[in-house]
Amino acid sequence: MTAVESLPVYKTAEEVAASRGDNLTSLIGAYLAGYVAGGYGPRRVVKVNTVRRFERSASGRAIMPADWDDPEDDIYDNL
């Protein structure tokens, strides 16, 4: 028994192959053939940039939106 064959997933994969009337080697070969036919590499997913971008001051510091300023405190008033 190899290290791969001792993994719990390997036994499950063999059971799935047997339930389909095939062996694990054939299923892996079919998967790889389908993968190659579909194109090499993973499909690229274009992510939408959800990070809010702030304007920058002349010194390079981020300028926070006015609605973020809490009028009850003066923490950000002297930046």
N, C-alpha and C. Protein backbone atom coordinates (compact mmCIF):
# COMPACT_ATOMS: atom_id res chain seq x y z
N MET A 1 0.84 -1.18 0.00
CA MET A 1 0.00 0.00 0.00
C MET A 1 0.89 1.25 0.00
N THR A 2 0.60 2.16 -0.90
CA THR A 2 1.37 3.40 -0.98
C THR A 2 0.77 4.43 -0.04
N ALA A 3 1.47 5.56 0.09
CA ALA A 3 0.97 6.63 0.95
C ALA A 3 -0.35 7.18 0.42
N VAL A 4 -0.49 7.24 -0.90
CA VAL A 4 -1.73 7.75 -1.50
C VAL A 4 -2.87 6.78 -1.26
N GLU A 5 -2.59 5.50 -1.39
CA GLU A 5 -3.64 4.49 -1.20
C GLU A 5 -4.12 4.43 0.24
N SER A 6 -3.33 4.91 1.18
CA SER A 6 -3.73 4.89 2.58
C SER A 6 -4.64 6.07 2.95
N LEU A 7 -4.79 7.03 2.06
CA LEU A 7 -5.66 8.17 2.34
C LEU A 7 -7.13 7.76 2.31
N PRO A 8 -7.95 8.34 3.19
CA PRO A 8 -9.38 7.99 3.21
C PRO A 8 -10.08 8.35 1.90
N VAL A 9 -9.64 9.40 1.24
CA VAL A 9 -10.28 9.83 -0.01
C VAL A 9 -10.04 8.81 -1.11
N TYR A 10 -8.91 8.15 -1.08
CA TYR A 10 -8.59 7.15 -2.10
C TYR A 10 -9.59 6.00 -2.05
N LYS A 11 -9.91 5.55 -0.85
CA LYS A 11 -10.87 4.45 -0.70
C LYS A 11 -12.24 4.89 -1.20
N THR A 12 -12.63 6.12 -0.88
CA THR A 12 -13.92 6.65 -1.35
C THR A 12 -13.93 6.73 -2.87
N ALA A 13 -12.83 7.19 -3.46
CA ALA A 13 -12.75 7.30 -4.93
C ALA A 13 -12.83 5.92 -5.58
N GLU A 14 -12.20 4.93 -4.97
CA GLU A 14 -12.30 3.57 -5.51
C GLU A 14 -13.73 3.05 -5.44
N GLU A 15 -14.44 3.37 -4.36
CA GLU A 15 -15.84 2.94 -4.22
C GLU A 15 -16.72 3.60 -5.27
N VAL A 16 -16.47 4.88 -5.55
CA VAL A 16 -17.24 5.58 -6.59
C VAL A 16 -16.97 4.95 -7.95
N ALA A 17 -15.71 4.67 -8.23
CA ALA A 17 -15.35 4.04 -9.51
C ALA A 17 -16.02 2.68 -9.64
N ALA A 18 -16.00 1.89 -8.59
CA ALA A 18 -16.61 0.55 -8.62
C ALA A 18 -18.12 0.65 -8.81
N SER A 19 -18.74 1.66 -8.19
CA SER A 19 -20.20 1.81 -8.34
C SER A 19 -20.58 2.18 -9.77
N ARG A 20 -19.65 2.74 -10.51
CA ARG A 20 -19.90 3.09 -11.92
C ARG A 20 -19.42 1.99 -12.86
N GLY A 21 -18.95 0.90 -12.30
CA GLY A 21 -18.49 -0.22 -13.12
C GLY A 21 -17.15 0.04 -13.78
N ASP A 22 -16.31 0.82 -13.16
CA ASP A 22 -15.01 1.17 -13.73
C ASP A 22 -13.96 1.07 -12.64
N ASN A 23 -12.71 1.32 -13.03
CA ASN A 23 -11.67 1.36 -12.01
C ASN A 23 -11.15 2.79 -11.88
N LEU A 24 -10.43 3.05 -10.82
CA LEU A 24 -9.97 4.40 -10.51
C LEU A 24 -9.04 4.95 -11.58
N THR A 25 -8.18 4.13 -12.12
CA THR A 25 -7.24 4.58 -13.16
C THR A 25 -7.98 5.08 -14.39
N SER A 26 -9.03 4.39 -14.80
CA SER A 26 -9.82 4.82 -15.96
C SER A 26 -10.54 6.13 -15.69
N LEU A 27 -11.07 6.29 -14.47
CA LEU A 27 -11.76 7.54 -14.14
C LEU A 27 -10.79 8.72 -14.12
N ILE A 28 -9.60 8.50 -13.59
CA ILE A 28 -8.59 9.57 -13.58
C ILE A 28 -8.19 9.92 -15.00
N GLY A 29 -8.00 8.92 -15.85
CA GLY A 29 -7.67 9.17 -17.26
C GLY A 29 -8.76 9.94 -17.97
N ALA A 30 -10.03 9.59 -17.71
CA ALA A 30 -11.14 10.31 -18.34
C ALA A 30 -11.20 11.75 -17.85
N TYR A 31 -10.95 11.95 -16.57
CA TYR A 31 -10.95 13.31 -16.02
C TYR A 31 -9.85 14.15 -16.68
N LEU A 32 -8.65 13.59 -16.77
CA LEU A 32 -7.54 14.33 -17.37
C LEU A 32 -7.79 14.62 -18.84
N ALA A 33 -8.37 13.66 -19.57
CA ALA A 33 -8.68 13.89 -20.98
C ALA A 33 -9.69 15.02 -21.13
N GLY A 34 -10.70 15.04 -20.29
CA GLY A 34 -11.69 16.12 -20.33
C GLY A 34 -11.10 17.45 -19.95
N TYR A 35 -10.18 17.43 -18.99
CA TYR A 35 -9.54 18.66 -18.55
C TYR A 35 -8.70 19.26 -19.67
N VAL A 36 -7.94 18.42 -20.35
CA VAL A 36 -7.10 18.88 -21.45
C VAL A 36 -7.96 19.37 -22.60
N ALA A 37 -9.05 18.68 -22.89
CA ALA A 37 -9.94 19.10 -23.99
C ALA A 37 -10.57 20.45 -23.70
N GLY A 38 -10.78 20.76 -22.43
CA GLY A 38 -11.38 22.03 -22.05
C GLY A 38 -10.40 23.18 -22.03
N GLY A 39 -9.14 22.92 -22.19
CA GLY A 39 -8.12 23.97 -22.16
C GLY A 39 -7.23 23.80 -20.95
N TYR A 40 -6.00 24.26 -21.07
CA TYR A 40 -5.04 24.10 -19.99
C TYR A 40 -5.26 25.15 -18.93
N GLY A 41 -4.96 24.79 -17.72
CA GLY A 41 -5.00 25.72 -16.61
C GLY A 41 -6.40 25.95 -16.09
N PRO A 42 -6.47 26.51 -14.92
CA PRO A 42 -7.79 26.78 -14.34
C PRO A 42 -8.48 27.92 -15.07
N ARG A 43 -9.79 27.91 -14.99
CA ARG A 43 -10.54 29.01 -15.60
C ARG A 43 -10.27 30.28 -14.82
N ARG A 44 -10.09 31.34 -15.54
CA ARG A 44 -9.79 32.60 -14.89
C ARG A 44 -11.08 33.28 -14.47
N VAL A 45 -11.12 33.68 -13.23
CA VAL A 45 -12.28 34.38 -12.70
C VAL A 45 -11.86 35.82 -12.48
N VAL A 46 -12.57 36.73 -13.13
CA VAL A 46 -12.25 38.14 -12.97
C VAL A 46 -13.01 38.65 -11.75
N LYS A 47 -12.26 39.08 -10.77
CA LYS A 47 -12.88 39.57 -9.54
C LYS A 47 -13.16 41.06 -9.67
N VAL A 48 -14.25 41.45 -9.11
CA VAL A 48 -14.62 42.86 -9.08
C VAL A 48 -13.92 43.50 -7.89
N ASN A 49 -13.33 44.63 -8.10
CA ASN A 49 -12.64 45.32 -7.02
C ASN A 49 -13.68 45.93 -6.09
N THR A 50 -13.79 45.37 -4.90
CA THR A 50 -14.78 45.86 -3.95
C THR A 50 -14.17 46.78 -2.90
N VAL A 51 -12.89 47.06 -3.04
CA VAL A 51 -12.22 47.93 -2.08
C VAL A 51 -12.52 49.37 -2.46
N ARG A 52 -12.92 50.15 -1.47
CA ARG A 52 -13.23 51.55 -1.74
C ARG A 52 -11.93 52.33 -1.88
N ARG A 53 -11.84 53.09 -2.94
CA ARG A 53 -10.64 53.89 -3.21
C ARG A 53 -10.92 55.33 -2.78
N PHE A 54 -9.98 55.91 -2.06
CA PHE A 54 -10.14 57.27 -1.58
C PHE A 54 -9.22 58.21 -2.35
N GLU A 55 -9.64 59.45 -2.41
CA GLU A 55 -8.77 60.47 -3.00
C GLU A 55 -7.57 60.66 -2.09
N ARG A 56 -6.47 61.15 -2.66
CA ARG A 56 -5.25 61.35 -1.89
C ARG A 56 -4.93 62.83 -1.80
N SER A 57 -4.38 63.23 -0.67
CA SER A 57 -3.94 64.62 -0.51
C SER A 57 -2.59 64.78 -1.20
N ALA A 58 -2.07 65.99 -1.20
CA ALA A 58 -0.77 66.25 -1.82
C ALA A 58 0.34 65.46 -1.14
N SER A 59 0.17 65.18 0.15
CA SER A 59 1.19 64.41 0.88
C SER A 59 0.99 62.91 0.74
N GLY A 60 -0.07 62.49 0.04
CA GLY A 60 -0.30 61.07 -0.20
C GLY A 60 -1.24 60.40 0.78
N ARG A 61 -1.75 61.15 1.74
CA ARG A 61 -2.67 60.57 2.71
C ARG A 61 -4.07 60.46 2.12
N ALA A 62 -4.79 59.44 2.56
CA ALA A 62 -6.16 59.24 2.07
C ALA A 62 -7.08 60.30 2.66
N ILE A 63 -7.95 60.84 1.81
CA ILE A 63 -8.95 61.82 2.25
C ILE A 63 -10.26 61.07 2.45
N MET A 64 -10.69 60.99 3.69
CA MET A 64 -11.92 60.26 4.01
C MET A 64 -13.14 61.07 3.58
N PRO A 65 -14.21 60.40 3.20
CA PRO A 65 -15.43 61.10 2.82
C PRO A 65 -15.99 61.92 3.98
N ALA A 66 -16.63 63.02 3.66
CA ALA A 66 -17.16 63.91 4.69
C ALA A 66 -18.22 63.23 5.55
N ASP A 67 -18.98 62.30 4.96
CA ASP A 67 -20.03 61.64 5.74
C ASP A 67 -19.47 60.65 6.76
N TRP A 68 -18.17 60.40 6.73
CA TRP A 68 -17.55 59.51 7.72
C TRP A 68 -17.16 60.28 8.98
N ASP A 69 -17.18 61.59 8.92
CA ASP A 69 -16.77 62.41 10.05
C ASP A 69 -17.91 62.48 11.07
N ASP A 70 -17.61 62.12 12.29
CA ASP A 70 -18.60 62.20 13.36
C ASP A 70 -18.52 63.59 13.97
N PRO A 71 -19.60 64.38 13.87
CA PRO A 71 -19.54 65.75 14.39
C PRO A 71 -19.39 65.81 15.91
N GLU A 72 -19.62 64.70 16.60
CA GLU A 72 -19.53 64.70 18.06
C GLU A 72 -18.10 64.56 18.57
N ASP A 73 -17.17 64.28 17.70
CA ASP A 73 -15.78 64.22 18.15
C ASP A 73 -14.90 65.03 17.21
N ASP A 74 -13.70 65.32 17.65
CA ASP A 74 -12.78 66.11 16.82
C ASP A 74 -11.52 65.31 16.48
N ILE A 75 -11.65 64.00 16.47
CA ILE A 75 -10.48 63.15 16.23
C ILE A 75 -9.84 63.44 14.87
N TYR A 76 -10.66 63.57 13.83
CA TYR A 76 -10.14 63.73 12.48
C TYR A 76 -10.12 65.18 12.00
N ASP A 77 -10.45 66.11 12.85
CA ASP A 77 -10.56 67.50 12.41
C ASP A 77 -9.21 68.15 12.10
N ASN A 78 -8.14 67.68 12.69
CA ASN A 78 -6.83 68.33 12.51
C ASN A 78 -5.85 67.49 11.71
N LEU A 79 -6.32 66.64 10.84
CA LEU A 79 -5.41 65.81 10.04
C LEU A 79 -4.95 66.54 8.81
